[in-house]
Amino acid sequence: MVIFTAFAGRRMLSVSLTLIFLLGCLSVACLIFFPEQPRPVRIGLNSPCPALAEAILSNFAGEVQIVPLSEGEAEQLARGELDYYLSGQEVQGFEQQTVGQVVAAVVASCLNPREEITLQELENLLAQSPEQVLISEELALEDFFWFEHSYLPTKEVIDLVATDDALLGLIPLQRRVPALQVLAVDRIDPRGPEVLASKYPLKCRLTVQKRPLTWRERLQKLVGRGQEDYLLSYLQSSANAYWDPWHAQAKFGAAGDVMLDRDVKKAGLEKGWEWIFAEAAPLLRGMDLAFCNLECPIGSKGKFINMFQAPPEAIAGITYAGFNVVSLANNHILDYHHEGMQETMAILTDNSIAGVGAGRNIHEARKPVIMEVNGITIGFVAYTEMWFVHSREPISWQATEEEPGVVPARLEYVAEDIADLR
């Protein structure tokens, strides 16, 4: 009887241990193979304003919860209350990854005569007349000396500074617009990536720290079922506007009238057409796009009805200078009648230079030139006043439904064409 009871007890213990083992294996399998209930990614930010994180994550497809913080980030990461922490500063005890650069630009209205500012001047201005410097809330980081100042939405800073030449603004470099000029700080222009290796004082490296892996995540990683870190992949891509602040920018150069007849023609024939542009070409060729107004036809065809015509070989000067787009909407492109204008357009096309503002009819003449450079789409349209046009023959000069010519500077044309481009 005693022997039987002992045997039965050992059997029950064995069965119990087996069940416990199987339940443990089942639990581990559930942890590994069954996903957690989805929830927003919790991201802390060392700023009182969520604007920076919102701008960084604006193209991220997942759901996020942004938590502005001033302290306690390490504890919240350790406890798993945060998934990530965005900062310009290192959090001790956590691995960090670089996810971008915050480069602040001092901007002013294009009517403001100032072209540069020293760091000391900026600090004094913020201390003595803070109302004269408007700061974007995307720059509300402890890394910058203006951290204790007030902030405005970036668009509001841009709009106010663009319309008041007494104000200065501090905005992220990549948010600048053509209505604003960027000031050099301590003689350093921030608009090129070489600024990273410089002593430009208004920049900081943006990093992200991640909370420790949970037991589930460690088990999944152990068996090769770890999840890809989609957020980190996003942060280290061009979809994040702060990953490369210089990514979506282009250098554009514009010149005025280029007329290649008379004394200019004489110099071109004697010294070469490239010689005419020898001083300007290095600057223009350094641009991503260069534009000018071609104030004369180029070619040998057509009937003289006004003033200018450059010989066909003059195109060598235009190509050497580095012009990509030329305006033909002016009071001289038809100086050698329709045939002279059309020959000019053909020569430009043969040399991969776009002409805008003239055509075989008004519809072709109003057609914009659209180019893409460094991810930026740029549209060109061109118009000319008609009151000073002179011709020895009675031609329209302005393009019509049936007649070649240029686009007249009519307000309705300008408004319609720009609206269509947008």
Protein backbone atom coordinates (compact mmCIF):
# COMPACT_ATOMS: atom_id res chain seq x y z
CA MET A 1 0.00 0.00 0.00
CA VAL A 2 2.81 2.39 0.87
CA ILE A 3 4.71 1.46 -2.29
CA PHE A 4 1.61 2.11 -4.46
CA THR A 5 1.01 5.56 -2.88
CA ALA A 6 4.62 6.64 -3.44
CA PHE A 7 4.48 5.52 -7.06
CA ALA A 8 1.24 7.41 -7.68
CA GLY A 9 2.68 10.57 -6.09
CA ARG A 10 5.76 10.51 -8.29
CA ARG A 11 3.57 10.02 -11.37
CA MET A 12 1.38 13.00 -10.50
CA LEU A 13 4.46 15.17 -9.91
CA SER A 14 5.87 14.13 -13.28
CA VAL A 15 2.59 14.94 -15.02
CA SER A 16 2.40 18.30 -13.24
CA LEU A 17 5.94 19.24 -14.22
CA THR A 18 5.24 18.22 -17.82
CA LEU A 19 2.11 20.37 -17.89
CA ILE A 20 4.00 23.31 -16.43
CA PHE A 21 6.73 22.85 -19.04
CA LEU A 22 4.19 22.67 -21.87
CA LEU A 23 2.37 25.74 -20.60
CA GLY A 24 5.68 27.57 -20.38
CA CYS A 25 6.54 26.60 -23.96
CA LEU A 26 3.08 27.69 -25.10
CA SER A 27 3.49 31.03 -23.33
CA VAL A 28 6.88 31.60 -24.89
CA ALA A 29 5.48 30.66 -28.32
CA CYS A 30 2.65 33.15 -27.82
CA LEU A 31 5.12 35.84 -26.87
CA ILE A 32 7.23 35.13 -29.93
CA PHE A 33 4.66 34.45 -32.63
CA PHE A 34 1.64 36.53 -31.64
CA PRO A 35 2.01 40.31 -32.01
CA GLU A 36 1.31 42.76 -29.22
CA GLN A 37 -1.77 44.92 -29.30
CA PRO A 38 -0.79 47.89 -31.50
CA ARG A 39 -0.31 51.23 -29.74
CA PRO A 40 1.19 54.60 -30.65
CA VAL A 41 4.97 54.92 -30.55
CA ARG A 42 5.75 57.13 -27.53
CA ILE A 43 8.44 59.70 -28.33
CA GLY A 44 9.91 62.08 -25.77
CA LEU A 45 11.43 65.40 -26.80
CA ASN A 46 13.70 67.72 -24.80
CA SER A 47 11.58 70.73 -25.65
CA PRO A 48 8.48 72.41 -24.22
CA CYS A 49 7.06 72.55 -27.78
CA PRO A 50 6.14 69.48 -29.85
CA ALA A 51 6.73 71.40 -33.12
CA LEU A 52 10.22 69.97 -33.78
CA ALA A 53 9.06 66.36 -33.35
CA GLU A 54 5.95 67.06 -35.44
CA ALA A 55 8.11 68.43 -38.26
CA ILE A 56 10.52 65.49 -38.06
CA LEU A 57 7.72 62.90 -38.05
CA SER A 58 5.41 64.62 -40.54
CA ASN A 59 6.00 61.92 -43.18
CA PHE A 60 6.06 58.92 -40.82
CA ALA A 61 3.25 56.47 -41.59
CA GLY A 62 2.85 55.07 -38.06
CA GLU A 63 0.88 56.48 -35.15
CA VAL A 64 2.98 58.43 -32.66
CA GLN A 65 2.48 60.11 -29.31
CA ILE A 66 4.83 63.07 -28.69
CA VAL A 67 5.72 63.80 -25.06
CA PRO A 68 7.47 67.18 -24.46
CA LEU A 69 9.90 66.81 -21.52
CA SER A 70 12.21 68.98 -19.48
CA GLU A 71 13.57 66.23 -17.19
CA GLY A 72 13.17 62.57 -16.21
CA GLU A 73 13.79 61.19 -19.68
CA ALA A 74 16.27 58.53 -18.51
CA GLU A 75 13.85 57.16 -15.92
CA GLN A 76 10.95 57.07 -18.38
CA LEU A 77 13.06 55.28 -20.96
CA ALA A 78 14.25 52.74 -18.39
CA ARG A 79 10.68 52.07 -17.21
CA GLY A 80 9.42 51.70 -20.77
CA GLU A 81 7.12 54.72 -20.45
CA LEU A 82 8.87 56.15 -23.53
CA ASP A 83 9.90 54.20 -26.62
CA TYR A 84 12.30 56.85 -27.94
CA TYR A 85 13.78 60.13 -26.82
CA LEU A 86 14.73 62.85 -29.32
CA SER A 87 17.36 65.26 -28.12
CA GLY A 88 20.36 67.36 -28.94
CA GLN A 89 22.03 65.95 -25.83
CA GLU A 90 23.21 62.48 -24.83
CA VAL A 91 21.23 60.52 -22.22
CA GLN A 92 23.69 58.57 -20.10
CA GLY A 93 23.26 54.79 -20.12
CA PHE A 94 21.45 54.52 -23.45
CA GLU A 95 22.74 53.84 -26.93
CA GLN A 96 22.24 56.84 -29.18
CA GLN A 97 21.92 57.23 -32.93
CA THR A 98 22.35 60.40 -34.98
CA VAL A 99 19.11 61.24 -36.79
CA GLY A 100 19.78 64.69 -38.17
CA GLN A 101 21.07 68.20 -37.73
CA VAL A 102 19.26 71.23 -36.36
CA VAL A 103 20.74 74.25 -38.14
CA ALA A 104 19.23 77.59 -37.16
CA ALA A 105 19.26 80.34 -39.77
CA VAL A 106 19.09 84.04 -38.94
CA VAL A 107 16.76 85.50 -41.57
CA ALA A 108 15.70 89.01 -42.53
CA SER A 109 13.48 90.66 -45.10
CA CYS A 110 15.06 91.14 -48.52
CA LEU A 111 14.66 94.89 -47.89
CA ASN A 112 16.78 94.72 -44.75
CA PRO A 113 20.26 96.09 -45.59
CA ARG A 114 21.97 93.77 -43.10
CA GLU A 115 23.87 90.86 -44.69
CA GLU A 116 25.53 89.34 -41.64
CA ILE A 117 25.50 89.34 -37.85
CA THR A 118 27.92 88.25 -35.15
CA LEU A 119 26.94 85.81 -32.43
CA GLN A 120 27.60 88.51 -29.85
CA GLU A 121 25.26 90.94 -31.64
CA LEU A 122 22.53 88.30 -31.74
CA GLU A 123 22.93 87.50 -28.05
CA ASN A 124 22.82 91.21 -27.17
CA LEU A 125 19.74 91.75 -29.30
CA LEU A 126 17.89 88.89 -27.63
CA ALA A 127 18.89 90.16 -24.19
CA GLN A 128 18.08 93.84 -24.75
CA SER A 129 15.37 93.89 -27.45
CA PRO A 130 13.90 90.37 -27.67
CA GLU A 131 10.83 91.67 -29.51
CA GLN A 132 13.06 92.32 -32.53
CA VAL A 133 14.00 88.65 -32.94
CA LEU A 134 11.22 86.13 -33.62
CA ILE A 135 12.09 82.49 -32.92
CA SER A 136 10.52 79.41 -34.49
CA GLU A 137 9.11 76.92 -31.99
CA GLU A 138 10.97 74.18 -33.89
CA LEU A 139 14.14 75.63 -32.35
CA ALA A 140 12.96 75.37 -28.74
CA LEU A 141 15.88 73.16 -27.66
CA GLU A 142 17.99 73.41 -24.51
CA ASP A 143 21.09 73.27 -26.72
CA PHE A 144 20.49 76.85 -27.89
CA PHE A 145 21.10 79.94 -25.77
CA TRP A 146 17.61 81.33 -26.53
CA PHE A 147 15.88 78.40 -24.83
CA GLU A 148 14.18 80.58 -22.20
CA HIS A 149 12.69 82.97 -24.80
CA SER A 150 9.21 82.83 -26.32
CA TYR A 151 8.44 81.08 -29.60
CA LEU A 152 6.09 81.35 -32.55
CA PRO A 153 5.00 78.88 -35.25
CA THR A 154 7.54 78.83 -38.08
CA LYS A 155 5.12 80.14 -40.70
CA GLU A 156 4.19 83.06 -38.49
CA VAL A 157 7.86 83.98 -38.04
CA ILE A 158 8.39 83.84 -41.81
CA ASP A 159 5.32 85.96 -42.59
CA LEU A 160 6.14 88.62 -40.00
CA VAL A 161 9.83 88.95 -40.88
CA ALA A 162 9.13 89.02 -44.64
CA THR A 163 6.87 92.05 -44.22
CA ASP A 164 8.86 94.00 -41.63
CA ASP A 165 12.46 94.87 -42.44
CA ALA A 166 13.10 95.87 -38.81
CA LEU A 167 12.71 92.28 -37.59
CA LEU A 168 15.04 89.30 -37.58
CA GLY A 169 13.94 85.70 -37.40
CA LEU A 170 15.44 82.42 -36.24
CA ILE A 171 14.08 79.48 -38.22
CA PRO A 172 15.29 76.02 -39.24
CA LEU A 173 17.54 76.41 -42.28
CA GLN A 174 15.40 74.18 -44.49
CA ARG A 175 12.27 76.29 -43.80
CA ARG A 176 13.64 79.41 -45.48
CA VAL A 177 11.72 80.93 -48.39
CA PRO A 178 12.73 83.23 -51.29
CA ALA A 179 11.16 86.25 -49.56
CA LEU A 180 13.85 86.06 -46.85
CA GLN A 181 17.60 86.45 -46.94
CA VAL A 182 19.83 84.27 -44.77
CA LEU A 183 22.44 86.19 -42.78
CA ALA A 184 25.94 84.92 -42.24
CA VAL A 185 26.77 84.46 -38.54
CA ASP A 186 30.35 85.24 -37.56
CA ARG A 187 31.00 85.39 -41.32
CA ILE A 188 29.83 81.79 -41.83
CA ASP A 189 27.00 81.14 -44.31
CA PRO A 190 24.94 78.12 -43.15
CA ARG A 191 23.46 77.29 -46.55
CA GLY A 192 26.01 74.61 -47.53
CA PRO A 193 26.68 71.21 -45.88
CA GLU A 194 30.30 72.24 -45.29
CA VAL A 195 28.94 74.20 -42.33
CA LEU A 196 28.92 70.95 -40.33
CA ALA A 197 32.72 71.02 -40.21
CA SER A 198 32.81 74.73 -39.47
CA LYS A 199 32.47 76.73 -36.26
CA TYR A 200 28.98 77.91 -37.15
CA PRO A 201 27.51 78.55 -33.69
CA LEU A 202 23.81 77.89 -34.33
CA LYS A 203 23.74 74.16 -34.94
CA CYS A 204 23.37 70.97 -32.94
CA ARG A 205 23.36 67.26 -33.70
CA LEU A 206 20.00 65.59 -33.26
CA THR A 207 20.07 62.14 -31.63
CA VAL A 208 17.58 59.48 -30.61
CA GLN A 209 17.82 57.10 -27.67
CA LYS A 210 15.71 53.94 -27.48
CA ARG A 211 14.31 52.22 -24.40
CA PRO A 212 15.73 48.75 -23.47
CA LEU A 213 14.19 45.76 -25.21
CA THR A 214 11.34 44.00 -23.41
CA TRP A 215 11.53 40.26 -22.66
CA ARG A 216 9.19 39.60 -25.59
CA GLU A 217 11.42 41.60 -27.95
CA ARG A 218 14.53 39.79 -26.68
CA LEU A 219 12.93 36.39 -27.24
CA GLN A 220 11.78 37.39 -30.71
CA LYS A 221 15.26 38.65 -31.55
CA LEU A 222 16.80 35.42 -30.17
CA VAL A 223 14.78 33.24 -32.57
CA GLY A 224 15.21 35.58 -35.51
CA ARG A 225 11.75 37.13 -35.39
CA GLY A 226 12.79 40.58 -34.20
CA GLN A 227 10.87 43.49 -35.71
CA GLU A 228 12.61 46.02 -37.94
CA ASP A 229 13.02 49.41 -36.30
CA TYR A 230 10.84 51.28 -38.79
CA LEU A 231 11.04 54.55 -36.88
CA LEU A 232 14.85 54.60 -36.83
CA SER A 233 14.93 53.72 -40.54
CA TYR A 234 12.59 56.64 -41.19
CA LEU A 235 14.59 59.06 -39.03
CA GLN A 236 17.76 58.22 -40.94
CA SER A 237 16.25 58.87 -44.36
CA SER A 238 15.49 61.92 -46.48
CA ALA A 239 11.83 61.63 -45.48
CA ASN A 240 12.94 63.24 -42.22
CA ALA A 241 13.42 66.93 -43.06
CA TYR A 242 16.16 67.22 -40.42
CA TRP A 243 18.22 64.22 -41.57
CA ASP A 244 19.87 66.41 -44.21
CA PRO A 245 18.81 70.08 -44.00
CA TRP A 246 20.54 70.74 -47.34
CA HIS A 247 18.82 67.90 -49.22
CA ALA A 248 16.04 69.89 -50.93
CA GLN A 249 17.81 73.05 -52.00
CA ALA A 250 19.19 74.40 -55.24
CA LYS A 251 21.41 77.29 -56.27
CA PHE A 252 19.74 79.56 -58.80
CA GLY A 253 21.51 82.34 -60.68
CA ALA A 254 19.78 85.01 -62.74
CA ALA A 255 21.33 87.54 -65.10
CA GLY A 256 19.69 90.43 -66.93
CA ASP A 257 19.83 91.27 -70.63
CA VAL A 258 22.31 89.35 -72.78
CA MET A 259 22.70 91.11 -76.15
CA LEU A 260 25.31 89.67 -78.49
CA ASP A 261 25.36 92.17 -81.36
CA ARG A 262 27.22 95.45 -82.05
CA ASP A 263 30.45 95.81 -79.99
CA VAL A 264 29.75 92.58 -78.16
CA LYS A 265 29.55 90.76 -81.48
CA LYS A 266 32.81 92.39 -82.56
CA ALA A 267 34.55 91.17 -79.37
CA GLY A 268 33.08 87.69 -79.79
CA LEU A 269 34.34 87.40 -83.35
CA GLU A 270 37.81 88.67 -82.42
CA LYS A 271 38.40 87.02 -79.04
CA GLY A 272 35.94 84.16 -78.98
CA TRP A 273 32.41 83.99 -77.62
CA GLU A 274 33.58 82.32 -74.40
CA TRP A 275 35.80 85.34 -73.66
CA ILE A 276 32.70 87.54 -73.25
CA PHE A 277 31.55 85.42 -70.30
CA ALA A 278 34.98 84.59 -68.86
CA GLU A 279 34.41 86.48 -65.60
CA ALA A 280 30.76 85.55 -65.07
CA ALA A 281 30.95 81.90 -66.13
CA PRO A 282 32.59 80.51 -62.95
CA LEU A 283 29.75 81.91 -60.85
CA LEU A 284 26.98 80.92 -63.25
CA ARG A 285 28.35 77.43 -63.85
CA GLY A 286 28.41 76.91 -60.09
CA MET A 287 24.63 77.26 -60.02
CA ASP A 288 22.21 74.34 -60.31
CA LEU A 289 20.16 76.52 -62.68
CA ALA A 290 21.11 79.75 -64.44
CA PHE A 291 18.72 82.10 -66.26
CA CYS A 292 19.01 85.21 -68.41
CA ASN A 293 17.02 87.37 -70.81
CA LEU A 294 18.28 86.75 -74.35
CA GLU A 295 17.90 90.23 -75.81
CA CYS A 296 18.59 89.32 -79.44
CA PRO A 297 17.91 86.55 -81.95
CA ILE A 298 20.75 84.15 -82.78
CA GLY A 299 21.16 82.87 -86.33
CA SER A 300 21.53 83.94 -89.93
CA LYS A 301 17.98 83.75 -91.21
CA GLY A 302 15.09 86.17 -91.27
CA LYS A 303 14.39 89.67 -92.50
CA PHE A 304 15.80 92.74 -90.76
CA ILE A 305 12.91 94.70 -89.19
CA ASN A 306 14.51 96.26 -86.13
CA MET A 307 18.04 96.17 -84.64
CA PHE A 308 19.93 93.06 -83.46
CA GLN A 309 21.01 89.59 -84.58
CA ALA A 310 23.96 87.55 -83.31
CA PRO A 311 25.60 84.95 -85.60
CA PRO A 312 24.86 81.25 -85.02
CA GLU A 313 28.26 80.65 -83.38
CA ALA A 314 27.32 83.10 -80.59
CA ILE A 315 25.47 80.21 -78.95
CA ALA A 316 28.91 78.99 -77.80
CA GLY A 317 29.03 81.90 -75.36
CA ILE A 318 25.59 81.10 -73.92
CA THR A 319 26.46 77.44 -73.40
CA TYR A 320 29.90 78.28 -71.97
CA ALA A 321 28.33 80.69 -69.49
CA GLY A 322 26.17 77.85 -68.16
CA PHE A 323 22.68 79.20 -68.86
CA ASN A 324 19.96 76.53 -68.70
CA VAL A 325 16.92 78.73 -69.37
CA VAL A 326 16.57 81.99 -71.32
CA SER A 327 13.66 84.36 -71.63
CA LEU A 328 12.64 85.23 -75.19
CA ALA A 329 9.87 87.59 -74.10
CA ASN A 330 11.41 90.94 -74.99
CA ASN A 331 11.35 93.72 -77.58
CA HIS A 332 14.24 92.36 -79.71
CA ILE A 333 13.70 88.62 -80.20
CA LEU A 334 11.71 89.38 -83.40
CA ASP A 335 14.24 91.89 -84.80
CA TYR A 336 14.72 89.49 -87.73
CA HIS A 337 11.03 88.66 -88.10
CA HIS A 338 9.34 85.36 -87.30
CA GLU A 339 11.98 83.31 -89.08
CA GLY A 340 14.76 84.81 -86.99
CA MET A 341 12.92 84.05 -83.75
CA GLN A 342 12.13 80.50 -84.79
CA GLU A 343 15.74 79.87 -85.82
CA THR A 344 16.84 81.11 -82.39
CA MET A 345 14.44 78.69 -80.70
CA ALA A 346 15.80 75.80 -82.79
CA ILE A 347 19.43 76.69 -81.98
CA LEU A 348 18.61 76.83 -78.27
CA THR A 349 16.90 73.44 -78.42
CA ASP A 350 19.87 71.90 -80.27
CA ASN A 351 22.10 73.08 -77.43
CA SER A 352 19.82 71.83 -74.61
CA ILE A 353 18.87 75.34 -73.51
CA ALA A 354 15.20 76.02 -72.79
CA GLY A 355 13.53 79.15 -74.11
CA VAL A 356 10.42 80.58 -72.50
CA GLY A 357 8.02 83.40 -73.34
CA ALA A 358 7.80 82.99 -77.12
CA GLY A 359 6.32 80.50 -79.55
CA ARG A 360 4.55 79.75 -82.81
CA ASN A 361 1.26 80.91 -81.27
CA ILE A 362 0.03 82.31 -77.98
CA HIS A 363 -0.58 78.86 -76.49
CA GLU A 364 2.95 77.67 -77.20
CA ALA A 365 4.39 81.01 -76.07
CA ARG A 366 2.61 80.80 -72.71
CA LYS A 367 3.75 77.23 -72.09
CA PRO A 368 5.99 77.17 -69.00
CA VAL A 369 9.41 75.58 -68.76
CA ILE A 370 9.46 73.14 -65.82
CA MET A 371 12.70 71.72 -64.46
CA GLU A 372 13.53 69.53 -61.48
CA VAL A 373 16.79 69.92 -59.63
CA ASN A 374 17.75 68.28 -56.32
CA GLY A 375 14.16 67.21 -55.76
CA ILE A 376 12.81 70.74 -56.30
CA THR A 377 10.44 71.49 -59.16
CA ILE A 378 10.96 74.97 -60.63
CA GLY A 379 8.70 76.60 -63.18
CA PHE A 380 9.56 79.49 -65.52
CA VAL A 381 7.21 81.85 -67.33
CA ALA A 382 8.14 85.09 -69.12
CA TYR A 383 6.32 88.20 -70.34
CA THR A 384 7.15 91.58 -71.86
CA GLU A 385 5.57 95.00 -72.07
CA MET A 386 4.43 95.92 -75.59
CA TRP A 387 4.39 99.71 -75.49
CA PHE A 388 8.07 100.11 -76.44
CA VAL A 389 8.13 97.50 -79.23
CA HIS A 390 9.30 98.92 -82.58
CA SER A 391 9.18 97.25 -85.97
CA ARG A 392 9.78 98.41 -89.51
CA GLU A 393 7.03 96.07 -90.66
CA PRO A 394 3.49 95.76 -89.35
CA ILE A 395 3.69 92.48 -87.43
CA SER A 396 1.86 91.76 -84.21
CA TRP A 397 5.08 90.98 -82.23
CA GLN A 398 2.92 89.51 -79.50
CA ALA A 399 1.83 85.95 -80.19
CA THR A 400 -1.78 85.38 -81.26
CA GLU A 401 -3.89 82.35 -82.08
CA GLU A 402 -2.35 82.25 -85.57
CA GLU A 403 0.82 84.34 -85.42
CA PRO A 404 4.20 83.62 -83.74
CA GLY A 405 5.52 86.03 -81.15
CA VAL A 406 6.05 86.77 -77.47
CA VAL A 407 3.75 86.77 -74.45
CA PRO A 408 2.49 90.24 -73.56
CA ALA A 409 2.63 91.27 -69.92
CA ARG A 410 -1.08 91.04 -69.21
CA LEU A 411 -2.08 90.59 -65.59
CA GLU A 412 -4.64 87.90 -66.44
CA TYR A 413 -1.96 85.86 -68.28
CA VAL A 414 0.43 86.10 -65.32
CA ALA A 415 -2.25 85.11 -62.79
CA GLU A 416 -3.57 82.19 -64.89
CA ASP A 417 -0.14 80.79 -65.77
CA ILE A 418 1.16 80.88 -62.19
CA ALA A 419 -2.06 79.33 -60.90
CA ASP A 420 -1.71 76.52 -63.45
CA LEU A 421 1.90 75.92 -62.41
CA ARG A 422 0.95 75.59 -58.78
